[in-house]
Amino acid sequence: MTTGGSDQPQQSYLPPSAQAPVPPPPQPNPQPGHAPAPQVSHGQPPQYAPPTQPPAPPRQGFAAPQQAAYAPPQQPQYTPAPFGRPVYASALAQPALYAPPAAPAAPAPAPAIPALPMPVRKGRTVSIWLFGVLGFLLLALAGYFVWALGSVASIIGLVLALIPLAIVFFGVRLIDRWEPEPKRIVIFAIAWGAIAAVGLTLLFDVMFGVDDVDAAAVIQAPIVEELFKGLGVFLIYLMARRTFDGPVDGIVYGALVGAGFAFTENIQYFAISLLEGGGEQLTMTFVLRGLMSPFAHAMFTALTGFAIGLAARRGASVAGVLGAGALGMLGAMLLHGFWNGSATFADFFVLYVTLQVPLFVGFILGIVALKREEARLTRERLSEYAVAGWFTPQEVDMLATRAGRKVGLAWAATLRGDRRPIMRGFIKDATALAAVRQRAISGRDRYAAEDERALLMRTRAARAALLAY
């Protein structure tokens, strides 16, 4: 059967798998030394024949280039644990079923948390130049004591005088525990009494001293000493009037000035007693001045401070405060003269038991009454913040009352890490906040808004620290 235009027979198509292979023709045996000729198949590609000779070795000193063969990734194979009992780090350790992933990398350090704001210092500090002047006067006073009394007696008197000073300072800190005055003001008050007031008194005695010892003890000493001590309290008011919140603060400053004055005066009395009467007279003087009446000078000058603080609480002008301080100073002079007169013209021990001890007890009761008034005022001012949502009524009771503070400290001690220091800071800042608001109400503190903002932030941070877990 033919098709048009073709005289060749038509062949049917067979797939390669169905075609019969054609055997290659026989080839002659290869001659020695000659490679066999490639076999050629009819219709088939020539087959590859590897060389009979091995490849030449690479030259020394060079690496033969090799083609990197592809290596498929190896599958992880399980390696059984070694036979035997496993060893753990402790009896509570658990077997690890799988290797945990690596810990995530730590981020870059975050910026430090800013420090809590502090109230404005202006009007709450003393110039450093005054401390320089006091330092110069201290050198002069120390030289005078060494020249007049000798170095050994002065040092012994100094060591003994530290004891009544510590007693008075501890008592003052109890009064001022929850609203402590700035440290620089406290140091200045003690330094003024111990250096400036004593130095000015000695200078006055040298220039205008009277020869009559009894008159000097009963009249001159009370007037001159209380004048220069009261001057120090009034200077504190002028320089740091924002710390004069009321009569309690005035009592604190007056007592500190008086304690400083008594410290230096005791050095002189103790040294003179040692030089004149030896150890026996020194012991008697130390008992009378250091143990039986350590608060005498502190109590005298506290009257001046009380009058100045009361006038400051009522918003008096500088002239009004000066007038009130003069009245308080007059009372301090009378009390001081009466005290010295009892030792000069009467039986000191009889008056000490019948009059001076009851007078000191009355002084303590007056301070307690003033502290209760301060607590009432603190509670009233903090209640205003509670209405605005800054405190709860329970927090106001805790922050403003003695019983509440005791309960708050006991609760803070049960928290993790003993958070009583945080609670103490919380109480102090809240008490200072109430005083700031009282000054703002009286209109005598132009920095009250800044102090209020800072103290509110501090109390909020303290509450968060107390409740943190």
Protein backbone atom coordinates (compact mmCIF):
# COMPACT_ATOMS: atom_id res chain seq x y z
CA MET A 1 0.00 0.00 0.00
CA THR A 2 1.48 3.23 -1.06
CA THR A 3 0.74 6.86 -0.46
CA GLY A 4 0.86 9.59 -2.90
CA GLY A 5 4.33 11.05 -3.41
CA SER A 6 6.25 8.25 -1.68
CA ASP A 7 7.65 5.04 -2.93
CA GLN A 8 9.08 3.88 0.47
CA PRO A 9 7.32 1.30 2.52
CA GLN A 10 5.66 2.70 5.67
CA GLN A 11 6.99 1.33 8.96
CA SER A 12 5.00 1.25 12.14
CA TYR A 13 6.37 3.21 15.16
CA LEU A 14 7.65 1.13 18.08
CA PRO A 15 8.65 2.64 21.42
CA PRO A 16 12.28 2.28 22.46
CA SER A 17 11.47 -0.32 25.00
CA ALA A 18 9.81 -2.51 22.43
CA GLN A 19 12.62 -2.36 19.84
CA ALA A 20 14.96 -5.33 19.70
CA PRO A 21 18.56 -4.45 20.42
CA VAL A 22 21.03 -4.80 17.57
CA PRO A 23 24.14 -6.69 18.64
CA PRO A 24 27.40 -4.89 17.80
CA PRO A 25 29.65 -6.46 15.20
CA PRO A 26 32.60 -8.47 16.46
CA GLN A 27 35.82 -6.49 16.91
CA PRO A 28 39.32 -7.82 16.56
CA ASN A 29 41.43 -8.34 19.65
CA PRO A 30 43.32 -5.17 20.58
CA GLN A 31 47.01 -5.08 19.95
CA PRO A 32 49.30 -4.74 22.91
CA GLY A 33 50.04 -1.10 23.74
CA HIS A 34 47.01 0.25 21.92
CA ALA A 35 43.74 1.27 23.42
CA PRO A 36 40.70 -0.55 22.12
CA ALA A 37 38.78 1.24 19.44
CA PRO A 38 35.49 2.66 20.49
CA GLN A 39 32.58 0.53 19.67
CA VAL A 40 30.10 2.04 17.30
CA SER A 41 26.60 0.82 17.30
CA HIS A 42 24.19 1.33 14.52
CA GLY A 43 21.73 3.95 15.65
CA GLN A 44 23.06 4.06 19.27
CA PRO A 45 25.35 6.66 20.95
CA PRO A 46 28.84 5.49 21.76
CA GLN A 47 29.38 4.13 25.26
CA TYR A 48 31.92 5.73 27.61
CA ALA A 49 35.04 3.68 28.27
CA PRO A 50 37.20 4.68 31.25
CA PRO A 51 40.93 5.07 30.70
CA THR A 52 43.09 2.09 31.45
CA GLN A 53 45.94 4.15 32.93
CA PRO A 54 45.47 5.78 36.40
CA PRO A 55 45.70 9.59 36.58
CA ALA A 56 49.05 11.15 37.36
CA PRO A 57 49.64 12.08 40.99
CA PRO A 58 49.57 15.82 41.88
CA ARG A 59 52.79 17.75 42.07
CA GLN A 60 54.44 18.16 45.40
CA GLY A 61 53.65 21.39 47.19
CA PHE A 62 50.32 22.07 45.52
CA ALA A 63 46.90 20.77 46.24
CA ALA A 64 45.24 19.00 43.39
CA PRO A 65 42.03 20.71 42.41
CA GLN A 66 39.10 18.53 43.22
CA GLN A 67 35.45 19.05 42.46
CA ALA A 68 33.40 19.28 45.65
CA ALA A 69 30.87 16.50 45.66
CA TYR A 70 27.36 17.26 46.89
CA ALA A 71 26.70 15.84 50.34
CA PRO A 72 23.06 15.55 51.33
CA PRO A 73 22.15 16.77 54.85
CA GLN A 74 22.43 14.13 57.46
CA GLN A 75 19.39 13.31 59.46
CA PRO A 76 19.82 13.60 63.29
CA GLN A 77 20.22 10.22 64.80
CA TYR A 78 19.04 9.33 68.29
CA THR A 79 21.84 8.43 70.65
CA PRO A 80 20.62 6.38 73.55
CA ALA A 81 21.70 7.35 77.04
CA PRO A 82 24.50 5.28 78.50
CA PHE A 83 23.41 2.26 80.39
CA GLY A 84 23.28 2.72 84.13
CA ARG A 85 21.59 4.86 86.77
CA PRO A 86 21.32 8.58 85.76
CA VAL A 87 23.11 11.15 87.88
CA TYR A 88 21.16 14.32 88.84
CA ALA A 89 22.37 17.59 90.31
CA SER A 90 20.27 17.13 93.45
CA ALA A 91 17.54 14.94 94.88
CA LEU A 92 14.90 17.36 93.57
CA ALA A 93 16.27 17.54 90.03
CA GLN A 94 14.10 16.19 87.21
CA PRO A 95 15.30 14.33 84.09
CA ALA A 96 15.49 16.51 80.99
CA LEU A 97 13.40 15.00 78.17
CA TYR A 98 14.85 17.31 75.54
CA ALA A 99 17.48 19.96 75.18
CA PRO A 100 15.79 23.36 75.72
CA PRO A 101 16.47 26.12 73.22
CA ALA A 102 19.11 28.70 74.00
CA ALA A 103 18.07 31.57 76.25
CA PRO A 104 17.08 34.71 74.37
CA ALA A 105 19.71 37.41 74.12
CA ALA A 106 19.43 40.22 76.65
CA PRO A 107 18.29 43.55 75.24
CA ALA A 108 20.35 46.69 75.49
CA PRO A 109 20.38 48.23 78.98
CA ALA A 110 17.37 50.43 79.54
CA PRO A 111 17.90 53.98 80.79
CA ALA A 112 18.06 54.32 84.55
CA ILE A 113 14.87 55.17 86.41
CA PRO A 114 14.99 58.87 87.26
CA ALA A 115 15.41 59.76 90.89
CA LEU A 116 12.38 60.90 92.82
CA PRO A 117 11.95 64.67 92.96
CA MET A 118 13.01 66.55 96.04
CA PRO A 119 11.42 69.65 97.56
CA VAL A 120 12.91 73.01 96.68
CA ARG A 121 15.99 73.72 98.78
CA LYS A 122 15.73 77.49 98.62
CA GLY A 123 14.66 78.83 101.97
CA ARG A 124 15.64 75.55 103.65
CA THR A 125 19.40 75.86 103.95
CA VAL A 126 22.19 78.00 105.36
CA SER A 127 24.95 79.72 103.43
CA ILE A 128 28.24 77.86 103.34
CA TRP A 129 29.99 81.12 104.16
CA LEU A 130 28.50 81.09 107.64
CA PHE A 131 30.01 77.67 108.24
CA GLY A 132 33.35 79.12 107.14
CA VAL A 133 33.04 81.91 109.71
CA LEU A 134 32.09 79.40 112.39
CA GLY A 135 35.11 77.29 111.47
CA PHE A 136 37.42 80.25 111.95
CA LEU A 137 35.83 81.03 115.31
CA LEU A 138 36.20 77.37 116.30
CA LEU A 139 39.96 77.53 115.79
CA ALA A 140 40.16 80.67 117.90
CA LEU A 141 38.01 79.16 120.64
CA ALA A 142 40.03 75.94 120.72
CA GLY A 143 43.23 77.93 121.01
CA TYR A 144 41.78 79.90 123.92
CA PHE A 145 40.79 76.73 125.79
CA VAL A 146 44.21 75.15 125.31
CA TRP A 147 45.93 78.36 126.42
CA ALA A 148 43.70 78.93 129.47
CA LEU A 149 43.02 75.35 130.63
CA GLY A 150 45.68 73.18 129.06
CA SER A 151 45.32 70.50 126.41
CA VAL A 152 44.84 67.51 128.77
CA ALA A 153 42.09 69.10 130.86
CA SER A 154 40.40 70.45 127.73
CA ILE A 155 40.35 67.01 126.07
CA ILE A 156 38.96 65.34 129.22
CA GLY A 157 36.29 68.01 129.48
CA LEU A 158 35.48 67.57 125.78
CA VAL A 159 34.96 63.82 126.13
CA LEU A 160 32.73 64.19 129.19
CA ALA A 161 30.73 67.01 127.59
CA LEU A 162 29.75 64.72 124.73
CA ILE A 163 27.54 62.67 127.09
CA PRO A 164 24.96 65.36 127.99
CA LEU A 165 25.05 66.57 124.38
CA ALA A 166 24.11 63.08 123.18
CA ILE A 167 21.28 62.90 125.74
CA VAL A 168 19.76 66.19 124.58
CA PHE A 169 20.21 65.37 120.92
CA PHE A 170 18.43 62.03 121.36
CA GLY A 171 15.53 63.74 123.12
CA VAL A 172 15.23 66.36 120.38
CA ARG A 173 15.21 63.69 117.67
CA LEU A 174 12.30 61.99 119.41
CA ILE A 175 10.35 65.23 119.17
CA ASP A 176 11.30 65.72 115.53
CA ARG A 177 11.14 62.08 114.42
CA TRP A 178 8.54 62.21 111.66
CA GLU A 179 9.31 65.66 110.31
CA PRO A 180 13.07 65.95 110.68
CA GLU A 181 14.65 69.30 110.01
CA PRO A 182 17.32 69.59 107.28
CA LYS A 183 20.66 68.25 108.44
CA ARG A 184 22.52 71.41 107.51
CA ILE A 185 20.17 73.48 109.67
CA VAL A 186 20.58 71.06 112.59
CA ILE A 187 24.37 71.25 112.33
CA PHE A 188 24.26 75.04 112.11
CA ALA A 189 22.03 75.29 115.20
CA ILE A 190 24.41 73.19 117.31
CA ALA A 191 27.47 74.96 115.90
CA TRP A 192 26.03 78.40 116.57
CA GLY A 193 25.39 77.57 120.21
CA ALA A 194 28.73 75.80 120.71
CA ILE A 195 30.92 78.33 118.87
CA ALA A 196 29.33 81.69 118.10
CA ALA A 197 27.17 82.12 121.20
CA VAL A 198 29.98 81.01 123.52
CA GLY A 199 32.55 83.15 121.74
CA LEU A 200 30.37 86.25 121.82
CA THR A 201 29.61 85.66 125.51
CA LEU A 202 33.31 85.34 126.36
CA LEU A 203 34.04 88.48 124.38
CA PHE A 204 31.32 90.38 126.24
CA ASP A 205 32.62 89.12 129.59
CA VAL A 206 36.11 90.32 128.75
CA MET A 207 34.92 93.75 127.63
CA PHE A 208 32.00 94.44 129.99
CA GLY A 209 32.19 91.80 132.67
CA VAL A 210 31.28 92.62 136.28
CA ASP A 211 33.45 91.68 139.23
CA ASP A 212 30.60 90.43 141.41
CA VAL A 213 30.40 86.68 140.82
CA ASP A 214 26.87 86.30 142.17
CA ALA A 215 25.55 89.17 140.08
CA ALA A 216 27.31 87.77 137.04
CA ALA A 217 25.70 84.36 137.55
CA VAL A 218 22.17 85.57 138.24
CA ILE A 219 21.91 88.68 136.06
CA GLN A 220 24.66 89.03 133.49
CA ALA A 221 24.94 85.40 132.39
CA PRO A 222 21.20 84.84 131.76
CA ILE A 223 20.83 88.10 129.82
CA VAL A 224 23.97 87.81 127.68
CA GLU A 225 23.80 84.09 127.03
CA GLU A 226 20.12 84.01 126.11
CA LEU A 227 20.58 87.07 123.91
CA PHE A 228 23.26 85.46 121.77
CA LYS A 229 21.56 82.06 121.75
CA GLY A 230 18.25 83.60 120.71
CA LEU A 231 20.05 85.49 117.97
CA GLY A 232 21.00 82.14 116.45
CA VAL A 233 17.38 80.97 116.45
CA PHE A 234 16.26 84.20 114.80
CA LEU A 235 18.99 83.84 112.13
CA ILE A 236 17.69 80.37 111.32
CA TYR A 237 14.24 81.83 110.84
CA LEU A 238 15.56 84.52 108.50
CA MET A 239 17.64 82.14 106.37
CA ALA A 240 15.47 79.03 106.44
CA ARG A 241 12.00 80.26 107.30
CA ARG A 242 10.41 77.53 105.14
CA THR A 243 11.54 75.08 107.83
CA PHE A 244 9.77 77.04 110.58
CA ASP A 245 6.34 75.43 110.34
CA GLY A 246 5.24 76.07 113.90
CA PRO A 247 6.13 76.12 117.59
CA VAL A 248 7.43 72.55 117.59
CA ASP A 249 10.08 73.46 115.03
CA GLY A 250 10.99 76.50 117.11
CA ILE A 251 11.43 74.33 120.20
CA VAL A 252 13.66 71.96 118.22
CA TYR A 253 15.92 74.74 116.97
CA GLY A 254 16.07 76.48 120.33
CA ALA A 255 16.91 73.22 122.12
CA LEU A 256 19.68 72.45 119.63
CA VAL A 257 21.24 75.89 120.03
CA GLY A 258 21.04 75.55 123.82
CA ALA A 259 22.56 72.05 123.68
CA GLY A 260 25.49 73.36 121.66
CA PHE A 261 26.07 76.18 124.15
CA ALA A 262 25.92 73.78 127.11
CA PHE A 263 28.42 71.49 125.37
CA THR A 264 31.15 74.13 125.20
CA GLU A 265 30.31 75.52 128.61
CA ASN A 266 30.56 72.03 130.10
CA ILE A 267 34.04 71.61 128.63
CA GLN A 268 35.10 74.69 130.57
CA TYR A 269 33.40 73.67 133.82
CA PHE A 270 34.69 70.09 133.71
CA ALA A 271 38.25 71.21 132.94
CA ILE A 272 38.26 73.80 135.75
CA SER A 273 36.87 71.23 138.21
CA LEU A 274 39.62 68.80 137.27
CA LEU A 275 42.34 71.42 137.67
CA GLU A 276 41.03 72.79 140.98
CA GLY A 277 39.67 69.74 142.79
CA GLY A 278 40.84 66.68 140.93
CA GLY A 279 38.67 63.69 140.15
CA GLU A 280 36.30 64.13 143.11
CA GLN A 281 35.24 67.64 142.18
CA LEU A 282 35.08 66.68 138.51
CA THR A 283 32.70 63.83 139.35
CA MET A 284 30.42 66.11 141.34
CA THR A 285 30.33 68.71 138.57
CA PHE A 286 29.62 66.04 135.95
CA VAL A 287 26.70 64.64 137.94
CA LEU A 288 25.15 68.08 138.53
CA ARG A 289 25.56 69.43 135.03
CA GLY A 290 25.80 66.34 132.84
CA LEU A 291 23.25 64.00 134.44
CA MET A 292 20.88 66.01 136.65
CA SER A 293 20.39 69.00 134.38
CA PRO A 294 21.47 68.24 130.81
CA PHE A 295 18.32 69.90 129.42
CA ALA A 296 18.70 73.21 131.28
CA HIS A 297 20.11 75.36 128.48
CA ALA A 298 18.00 73.52 125.89
CA MET A 299 14.86 74.30 127.87
CA PHE A 300 15.75 77.99 128.28
CA THR A 301 16.36 78.71 124.61
CA ALA A 302 13.41 76.53 123.58
CA LEU A 303 11.14 79.27 124.96
CA THR A 304 12.60 81.72 122.43
CA GLY A 305 12.15 79.20 119.64
CA PHE A 306 8.58 78.47 120.72
CA ALA A 307 7.63 82.17 120.47
CA ILE A 308 9.26 82.53 117.04
CA GLY A 309 7.59 79.37 115.72
CA LEU A 310 4.18 80.40 117.03
CA ALA A 311 4.43 83.78 115.29
CA ALA A 312 5.58 82.08 112.08
CA ARG A 313 2.59 79.69 112.20
CA ARG A 314 0.23 82.66 112.44
CA GLY A 315 1.82 84.30 109.38
CA ALA A 316 3.40 87.24 111.19
CA SER A 317 5.82 89.56 109.42
CA VAL A 318 9.53 89.61 110.15
CA ALA A 319 9.00 92.46 112.61
CA GLY A 320 6.18 90.55 114.28
CA VAL A 321 8.34 87.45 114.56
CA LEU A 322 11.16 89.53 116.04
CA GLY A 323 8.79 90.98 118.64
CA ALA A 324 7.44 87.56 119.55
CA GLY A 325 11.00 86.23 119.79
CA ALA A 326 11.91 89.07 122.16
CA LEU A 327 9.05 88.09 124.49
CA GLY A 328 10.16 84.46 124.39
CA MET A 329 13.74 85.53 125.06
CA LEU A 330 12.59 87.49 128.12
CA GLY A 331 10.97 84.35 129.50
CA ALA A 332 14.16 82.39 128.80
CA MET A 333 16.24 84.99 130.71
CA LEU A 334 13.92 84.86 133.73
CA LEU A 335 13.94 81.06 133.80
CA HIS A 336 17.71 80.99 133.39
CA GLY A 337 18.23 83.51 136.17
CA PHE A 338 15.93 81.59 138.50
CA TRP A 339 17.86 78.39 137.78
CA ASN A 340 21.22 80.00 138.53
CA GLY A 341 19.84 81.75 141.58
CA SER A 342 18.66 78.46 143.08
CA ALA A 343 22.22 77.18 142.90
CA THR A 344 23.73 80.43 144.23
CA PHE A 345 21.43 81.66 147.02
CA ALA A 346 19.41 78.58 148.05
CA ASP A 347 19.66 74.85 148.55
CA PHE A 348 20.02 73.58 145.02
CA PHE A 349 18.92 70.01 145.78
CA VAL A 350 15.74 71.08 147.59
CA LEU A 351 14.70 73.42 144.79
CA TYR A 352 15.74 70.84 142.23
CA VAL A 353 13.27 68.28 143.61
CA THR A 354 10.45 70.66 144.56
CA LEU A 355 10.54 73.11 141.68
CA GLN A 356 12.92 72.35 138.86
CA VAL A 357 11.86 68.74 138.29
CA PRO A 358 8.14 69.69 138.18
CA LEU A 359 9.06 72.53 135.84
CA PHE A 360 10.84 70.11 133.51
CA VAL A 361 7.88 67.71 133.65
CA GLY A 362 5.58 70.57 132.72
CA PHE A 363 7.88 71.40 129.84
CA ILE A 364 7.62 67.81 128.56
CA LEU A 365 3.83 67.82 128.92
CA GLY A 366 3.69 71.06 126.93
CA ILE A 367 5.67 69.42 124.11
CA VAL A 368 3.31 66.43 124.15
CA ALA A 369 0.32 68.78 123.84
CA LEU A 370 2.00 70.58 120.92
CA LYS A 371 2.71 67.27 119.21
CA ARG A 372 -0.94 66.30 119.50
CA GLU A 373 -1.89 69.59 117.90
CA GLU A 374 0.60 68.89 115.10
CA ALA A 375 -0.94 65.44 114.61
CA ARG A 376 -4.43 66.97 114.40
CA LEU A 377 -3.27 69.50 111.86
CA THR A 378 -1.47 66.82 109.83
CA ARG A 379 -4.60 64.68 109.79
CA GLU A 380 -6.75 67.59 108.71
CA ARG A 381 -4.44 68.55 105.83
CA LEU A 382 -4.01 64.95 104.62
CA SER A 383 -7.77 64.46 104.72
CA GLU A 384 -8.04 67.15 102.09
CA TYR A 385 -5.77 65.09 99.84
CA ALA A 386 -7.85 62.00 100.62
CA VAL A 387 -10.95 63.79 99.29
CA ALA A 388 -9.01 64.41 96.07
CA GLY A 389 -8.09 60.71 95.84
CA TRP A 390 -4.43 60.81 96.82
CA PHE A 391 -4.90 58.85 100.05
CA THR A 392 -7.49 56.57 101.54
CA PRO A 393 -9.07 57.42 104.92
CA GLN A 394 -7.25 54.43 106.40
CA GLU A 395 -3.93 55.77 105.12
CA VAL A 396 -4.63 59.16 106.68
CA ASP A 397 -5.14 57.51 110.07
CA MET A 398 -1.94 55.53 109.61
CA LEU A 399 0.14 58.53 108.55
CA ALA A 400 -1.09 61.13 111.03
CA THR A 401 -1.48 59.28 114.34
CA ARG A 402 1.03 57.65 116.63
CA ALA A 403 -0.97 54.43 116.89
CA GLY A 404 -1.46 54.30 113.13
CA ARG A 405 2.25 54.74 112.46
CA LYS A 406 3.03 51.91 114.84
CA VAL A 407 0.58 49.60 113.08
CA GLY A 408 1.90 50.64 109.67
CA LEU A 409 5.50 49.87 110.62
CA ALA A 410 4.48 46.49 112.05
CA TRP A 411 2.67 45.64 108.80
CA ALA A 412 5.63 46.75 106.67
CA ALA A 413 7.90 44.46 108.67
CA THR A 414 5.84 41.44 107.54
CA LEU A 415 6.28 42.22 103.84
CA ARG A 416 8.95 40.58 101.75
CA GLY A 417 12.33 42.13 102.43
CA ASP A 418 11.20 44.07 105.56
CA ARG A 419 9.85 47.28 104.02
CA ARG A 420 9.90 49.38 107.17
CA PRO A 421 12.41 51.84 105.66
CA ILE A 422 9.95 52.46 102.82
CA MET A 423 7.13 52.96 105.33
CA ARG A 424 9.23 55.44 107.32
CA GLY A 425 9.89 57.44 104.17
CA PHE A 426 6.18 57.30 103.33
CA ILE A 427 5.25 58.71 106.75
CA LYS A 428 7.89 61.45 106.65
CA ASP A 429 6.95 62.60 103.15
CA ALA A 430 3.25 62.64 104.03
CA THR A 431 3.94 64.66 107.19
CA ALA A 432 6.04 67.12 105.21
CA LEU A 433 3.24 67.32 102.63
CA ALA A 434 0.76 68.37 105.31
CA ALA A 435 3.18 71.08 106.49
CA VAL A 436 3.61 72.33 102.92
CA ARG A 437 -0.14 72.63 102.48
CA GLN A 438 -0.42 74.51 105.76
CA ARG A 439 2.21 76.99 104.56
CA ALA A 440 0.37 77.35 101.27
CA ILE A 441 -2.90 78.07 103.08
CA SER A 442 -1.23 80.77 105.18
CA GLY A 443 0.29 82.25 102.01
CA ARG A 444 3.88 82.36 103.29
CA ASP A 445 5.57 79.90 100.93
CA ARG A 446 5.92 80.76 97.25
CA TYR A 447 7.50 77.36 96.55
CA ALA A 448 4.61 75.42 98.05
CA ALA A 449 3.29 74.26 94.65
CA GLU A 450 6.65 72.75 93.65
CA ASP A 451 7.07 71.06 97.03
CA GLU A 452 3.53 69.72 96.89
CA ARG A 453 4.07 68.20 93.46
CA ALA A 454 7.35 66.57 94.48
CA LEU A 455 5.99 65.13 97.73
CA LEU A 456 2.87 63.76 96.04
CA MET A 457 5.06 61.90 93.56
CA ARG A 458 7.23 60.55 96.37
CA THR A 459 4.26 59.31 98.39
CA ARG A 460 2.76 57.64 95.32
CA ALA A 461 6.07 55.88 94.58
CA ALA A 462 6.36 54.76 98.23
CA ARG A 463 2.85 53.28 98.15
CA ALA A 464 3.69 51.38 94.94
CA ALA A 465 6.89 50.04 96.50
CA LEU A 466 5.02 48.87 99.60
CA LEU A 467 2.37 47.01 97.57
CA ALA A 468 4.76 45.55 94.97
CA TYR A 469 5.20 41.77 94.78
